[in-house]
Amino acid sequence: MEREQLAQCPYDRSHLIRVSRLPYHLVKCQRNNPQVARTLATCPFNATHRVPRAELQSHVASCPNKFQLDLPDGTAMKQTEVPTTWQPPPCQEDWEA
Protein backbone atom coordinates (compact mmCIF):
# COMPACT_ATOMS: atom_id res chain seq x y z
CA MET A 1 0.00 0.00 0.00
CA GLU A 2 1.35 3.41 -0.99
CA ARG A 3 1.71 6.08 1.63
CA GLU A 4 -0.30 9.23 1.18
CA GLN A 5 1.69 12.26 0.09
CA LEU A 6 2.90 14.61 2.85
CA ALA A 7 3.04 18.40 2.82
CA GLN A 8 5.02 20.78 4.99
CA CYS A 9 3.08 23.24 7.16
CA PRO A 10 3.85 26.87 6.28
CA TYR A 11 3.36 27.94 9.91
CA ASP A 12 5.69 25.38 11.49
CA ARG A 13 8.25 23.75 9.17
CA SER A 14 8.62 20.76 11.49
CA HIS A 15 5.00 19.71 10.79
CA LEU A 16 4.50 17.17 8.00
CA ILE A 17 0.82 16.62 7.29
CA ARG A 18 -1.07 14.34 4.92
CA VAL A 19 -2.37 16.40 2.00
CA SER A 20 -5.94 15.32 2.71
CA ARG A 21 -5.69 16.75 6.27
CA LEU A 22 -3.84 19.96 5.34
CA PRO A 23 -6.87 22.34 5.23
CA TYR A 24 -7.88 21.33 8.78
CA HIS A 25 -4.33 21.58 10.04
CA LEU A 26 -3.82 25.05 8.53
CA VAL A 27 -6.81 26.46 10.41
CA LYS A 28 -5.55 25.09 13.69
CA CYS A 29 -1.91 26.02 13.13
CA GLN A 30 -2.82 29.54 11.96
CA ARG A 31 -4.63 30.09 15.27
CA ASN A 32 -1.64 28.76 17.24
CA ASN A 33 0.93 30.90 15.34
CA PRO A 34 -0.60 34.39 14.95
CA GLN A 35 2.76 36.13 14.39
CA VAL A 36 3.64 33.88 11.47
CA ALA A 37 0.08 34.10 10.15
CA ARG A 38 0.40 37.89 9.80
CA THR A 39 3.35 37.45 7.42
CA LEU A 40 1.60 34.96 5.12
CA ALA A 41 -1.07 35.51 2.47
CA THR A 42 -3.55 32.99 1.07
CA CYS A 43 -3.56 32.21 -2.64
CA PRO A 44 -6.87 33.17 -4.30
CA PHE A 45 -6.86 29.95 -6.37
CA ASN A 46 -6.06 27.40 -3.63
CA ALA A 47 -6.63 28.11 0.07
CA THR A 48 -3.95 25.62 1.10
CA HIS A 49 -1.28 27.75 -0.60
CA ARG A 50 0.11 30.10 2.06
CA VAL A 51 2.99 32.25 0.82
CA PRO A 52 4.86 35.28 2.21
CA ARG A 53 2.94 38.47 1.44
CA ALA A 54 5.84 39.86 -0.61
CA GLU A 55 5.76 36.80 -2.89
CA LEU A 56 1.98 36.61 -3.40
CA GLN A 57 1.94 38.40 -6.76
CA SER A 58 4.61 36.13 -8.25
CA HIS A 59 2.85 33.07 -6.83
CA VAL A 60 -0.47 34.13 -8.36
CA ALA A 61 1.22 34.51 -11.76
CA SER A 62 2.63 30.98 -11.62
CA CYS A 63 0.08 29.12 -9.47
CA PRO A 64 -0.72 25.66 -10.89
CA ASN A 65 -4.36 26.08 -9.81
CA LYS A 66 -4.88 29.28 -11.83
CA PHE A 67 -7.67 29.08 -14.38
CA GLN A 68 -9.04 31.16 -17.21
CA LEU A 69 -12.48 32.78 -17.00
CA ASP A 70 -14.90 32.55 -19.92
CA LEU A 71 -17.17 35.57 -19.97
CA PRO A 72 -20.83 35.39 -21.13
CA ASP A 73 -20.10 37.43 -24.27
CA GLY A 74 -17.65 34.76 -25.51
CA THR A 75 -14.44 36.56 -24.65
CA ALA A 76 -11.85 35.03 -22.37
CA MET A 77 -10.28 36.82 -19.44
CA LYS A 78 -7.34 35.57 -17.44
CA GLN A 79 -7.93 35.51 -13.69
CA THR A 80 -5.09 37.99 -13.09
CA GLU A 81 -6.94 40.57 -15.27
CA VAL A 82 -10.01 40.73 -13.03
CA PRO A 83 -10.64 44.33 -11.92
CA THR A 84 -9.69 45.04 -8.32
CA THR A 85 -12.88 47.00 -7.59
CA TRP A 86 -16.41 46.47 -8.85
CA GLN A 87 -17.98 49.33 -10.79
CA PRO A 88 -21.80 49.45 -10.89
CA PRO A 89 -23.45 49.96 -14.29
CA PRO A 90 -24.87 53.43 -14.98
CA CYS A 91 -28.36 53.95 -13.58
CA GLN A 92 -31.16 54.21 -16.16
CA GLU A 93 -33.70 55.69 -13.74
CA ASP A 94 -34.40 59.42 -13.42
CA TRP A 95 -35.93 60.10 -10.03
CA GLU A 96 -36.33 63.81 -10.80
CA ALA A 97 -38.67 63.19 -13.75
C-alpha atoms as a PDB file:
ATOM      1  CA  MET A   1       0.000   0.000   0.000  1.00  0.00           C
ATOM      2  CA  GLU A   2       1.354   3.411  -0.987  1.00  0.00           C
ATOM      3  CA  ARG A   3       1.710   6.075   1.628  1.00  0.00           C
ATOM      4  CA  GLU A   4      -0.298   9.229   1.181  1.00  0.00           C
ATOM      5  CA  GLN A   5       1.695  12.259   0.091  1.00  0.00           C
ATOM      6  CA  LEU A   6       2.898  14.606   2.852  1.00  0.00           C
ATOM      7  CA  ALA A   7       3.045  18.398   2.817  1.00  0.00           C
ATOM      8  CA  GLN A   8       5.018  20.784   4.985  1.00  0.00           C
ATOM      9  CA  CYS A   9       3.076  23.235   7.159  1.00  0.00           C
ATOM     10  CA  PRO A  10       3.851  26.874   6.277  1.00  0.00           C
ATOM     11  CA  TYR A  11       3.359  27.942   9.913  1.00  0.00           C
ATOM     12  CA  ASP A  12       5.693  25.384  11.494  1.00  0.00           C
ATOM     13  CA  ARG A  13       8.246  23.754   9.174  1.00  0.00           C
ATOM     14  CA  SER A  14       8.618  20.759  11.489  1.00  0.00           C
ATOM     15  CA  HIS A  15       5.001  19.707  10.789  1.00  0.00           C
ATOM     16  CA  LEU A  16       4.501  17.165   8.000  1.00  0.00           C
ATOM     17  CA  ILE A  17       0.820  16.621   7.290  1.00  0.00           C
ATOM     18  CA  ARG A  18      -1.066  14.341   4.920  1.00  0.00           C
ATOM     19  CA  VAL A  19      -2.367  16.400   1.998  1.00  0.00           C
ATOM     20  CA  SER A  20      -5.943  15.319   2.715  1.00  0.00           C
ATOM     21  CA  ARG A  21      -5.689  16.750   6.269  1.00  0.00           C
ATOM     22  CA  LEU A  22      -3.842  19.961   5.337  1.00  0.00           C
ATOM     23  CA  PRO A  23      -6.870  22.340   5.234  1.00  0.00           C
ATOM     24  CA  TYR A  24      -7.882  21.333   8.778  1.00  0.00           C
ATOM     25  CA  HIS A  25      -4.325  21.579  10.044  1.00  0.00           C
ATOM     26  CA  LEU A  26      -3.819  25.047   8.531  1.00  0.00           C
ATOM     27  CA  VAL A  27      -6.814  26.462  10.411  1.00  0.00           C
ATOM     28  CA  LYS A  28      -5.546  25.093  13.692  1.00  0.00           C
ATOM     29  CA  CYS A  29      -1.906  26.022  13.128  1.00  0.00           C
ATOM     30  CA  GLN A  30      -2.824  29.539  11.957  1.00  0.00           C
ATOM     31  CA  ARG A  31      -4.633  30.092  15.267  1.00  0.00           C
ATOM     32  CA  ASN A  32      -1.637  28.763  17.236  1.00  0.00           C
ATOM     33  CA  ASN A  33       0.926  30.902  15.336  1.00  0.00           C
ATOM     34  CA  PRO A  34      -0.596  34.388  14.949  1.00  0.00           C
ATOM     35  CA  GLN A  35       2.759  36.130  14.391  1.00  0.00           C
ATOM     36  CA  VAL A  36       3.641  33.876  11.468  1.00  0.00           C
ATOM     37  CA  ALA A  37       0.080  34.096  10.146  1.00  0.00           C
ATOM     38  CA  ARG A  38       0.402  37.888   9.796  1.00  0.00           C
ATOM     39  CA  THR A  39       3.348  37.452   7.420  1.00  0.00           C
ATOM     40  CA  LEU A  40       1.598  34.962   5.115  1.00  0.00           C
ATOM     41  CA  ALA A  41      -1.067  35.511   2.472  1.00  0.00           C
ATOM     42  CA  THR A  42      -3.545  32.989   1.074  1.00  0.00           C
ATOM     43  CA  CYS A  43      -3.557  32.205  -2.645  1.00  0.00           C
ATOM     44  CA  PRO A  44      -6.874  33.171  -4.300  1.00  0.00           C
ATOM     45  CA  PHE A  45      -6.857  29.952  -6.366  1.00  0.00           C
ATOM     46  CA  ASN A  46      -6.060  27.397  -3.632  1.00  0.00           C
ATOM     47  CA  ALA A  47      -6.634  28.112   0.070  1.00  0.00           C
ATOM     48  CA  THR A  48      -3.954  25.623   1.103  1.00  0.00           C
ATOM     49  CA  HIS A  49      -1.284  27.745  -0.599  1.00  0.00           C
ATOM     50  CA  ARG A  50       0.113  30.101   2.056  1.00  0.00           C
ATOM     51  CA  VAL A  51       2.990  32.254   0.819  1.00  0.00           C
ATOM     52  CA  PRO A  52       4.862  35.278   2.213  1.00  0.00           C
ATOM     53  CA  ARG A  53       2.943  38.471   1.440  1.00  0.00           C
ATOM     54  CA  ALA A  54       5.842  39.863  -0.610  1.00  0.00           C
ATOM     55  CA  GLU A  55       5.760  36.796  -2.888  1.00  0.00           C
ATOM     56  CA  LEU A  56       1.975  36.612  -3.397  1.00  0.00           C
ATOM     57  CA  GLN A  57       1.942  38.397  -6.760  1.00  0.00           C
ATOM     58  CA  SER A  58       4.612  36.134  -8.247  1.00  0.00           C
ATOM     59  CA  HIS A  59       2.846  33.066  -6.825  1.00  0.00           C
ATOM     60  CA  VAL A  60      -0.475  34.130  -8.361  1.00  0.00           C
ATOM     61  CA  ALA A  61       1.217  34.508 -11.758  1.00  0.00           C
ATOM     62  CA  SER A  62       2.630  30.976 -11.622  1.00  0.00           C
ATOM     63  CA  CYS A  63       0.075  29.116  -9.471  1.00  0.00           C
ATOM     64  CA  PRO A  64      -0.724  25.664 -10.893  1.00  0.00           C
ATOM     65  CA  ASN A  65      -4.363  26.077  -9.814  1.00  0.00           C
ATOM     66  CA  LYS A  66      -4.881  29.279 -11.827  1.00  0.00           C
ATOM     67  CA  PHE A  67      -7.670  29.078 -14.379  1.00  0.00           C
ATOM     68  CA  GLN A  68      -9.038  31.162 -17.206  1.00  0.00           C
ATOM     69  CA  LEU A  69     -12.481  32.777 -16.996  1.00  0.00           C
ATOM     70  CA  ASP A  70     -14.899  32.551 -19.923  1.00  0.00           C
ATOM     71  CA  LEU A  71     -17.166  35.571 -19.970  1.00  0.00           C
ATOM     72  CA  PRO A  72     -20.827  35.388 -21.131  1.00  0.00           C
ATOM     73  CA  ASP A  73     -20.095  37.433 -24.270  1.00  0.00           C
ATOM     74  CA  GLY A  74     -17.649  34.764 -25.506  1.00  0.00           C
ATOM     75  CA  THR A  75     -14.435  36.556 -24.648  1.00  0.00           C
ATOM     76  CA  ALA A  76     -11.847  35.029 -22.374  1.00  0.00           C
ATOM     77  CA  MET A  77     -10.279  36.821 -19.443  1.00  0.00           C
ATOM     78  CA  LYS A  78      -7.342  35.568 -17.439  1.00  0.00           C
ATOM     79  CA  GLN A  79      -7.932  35.508 -13.687  1.00  0.00           C
ATOM     80  CA  THR A  80      -5.088  37.988 -13.091  1.00  0.00           C
ATOM     81  CA  GLU A  81      -6.941  40.570 -15.266  1.00  0.00           C
ATOM     82  CA  VAL A  82     -10.014  40.727 -13.026  1.00  0.00           C
ATOM     83  CA  PRO A  83     -10.642  44.332 -11.918  1.00  0.00           C
ATOM     84  CA  THR A  84      -9.695  45.040  -8.322  1.00  0.00           C
ATOM     85  CA  THR A  85     -12.877  46.998  -7.586  1.00  0.00           C
ATOM     86  CA  TRP A  86     -16.406  46.468  -8.849  1.00  0.00           C
ATOM     87  CA  GLN A  87     -17.980  49.326 -10.789  1.00  0.00           C
ATOM     88  CA  PRO A  88     -21.798  49.452 -10.885  1.00  0.00           C
ATOM     89  CA  PRO A  89     -23.449  49.959 -14.285  1.00  0.00           C
ATOM     90  CA  PRO A  90     -24.871  53.430 -14.982  1.00  0.00           C
ATOM     91  CA  CYS A  91     -28.358  53.950 -13.581  1.00  0.00           C
ATOM     92  CA  GLN A  92     -31.160  54.206 -16.160  1.00  0.00           C
ATOM     93  CA  GLU A  93     -33.702  55.693 -13.739  1.00  0.00           C
ATOM     94  CA  ASP A  94     -34.401  59.425 -13.425  1.00  0.00           C
ATOM     95  CA  TRP A  95     -35.934  60.104 -10.026  1.00  0.00           C
ATOM     96  CA  GLU A  96     -36.328  63.812 -10.797  1.00  0.00           C
ATOM     97  CA  ALA A  97     -38.673  63.195 -13.752  1.00  0.00           C
END
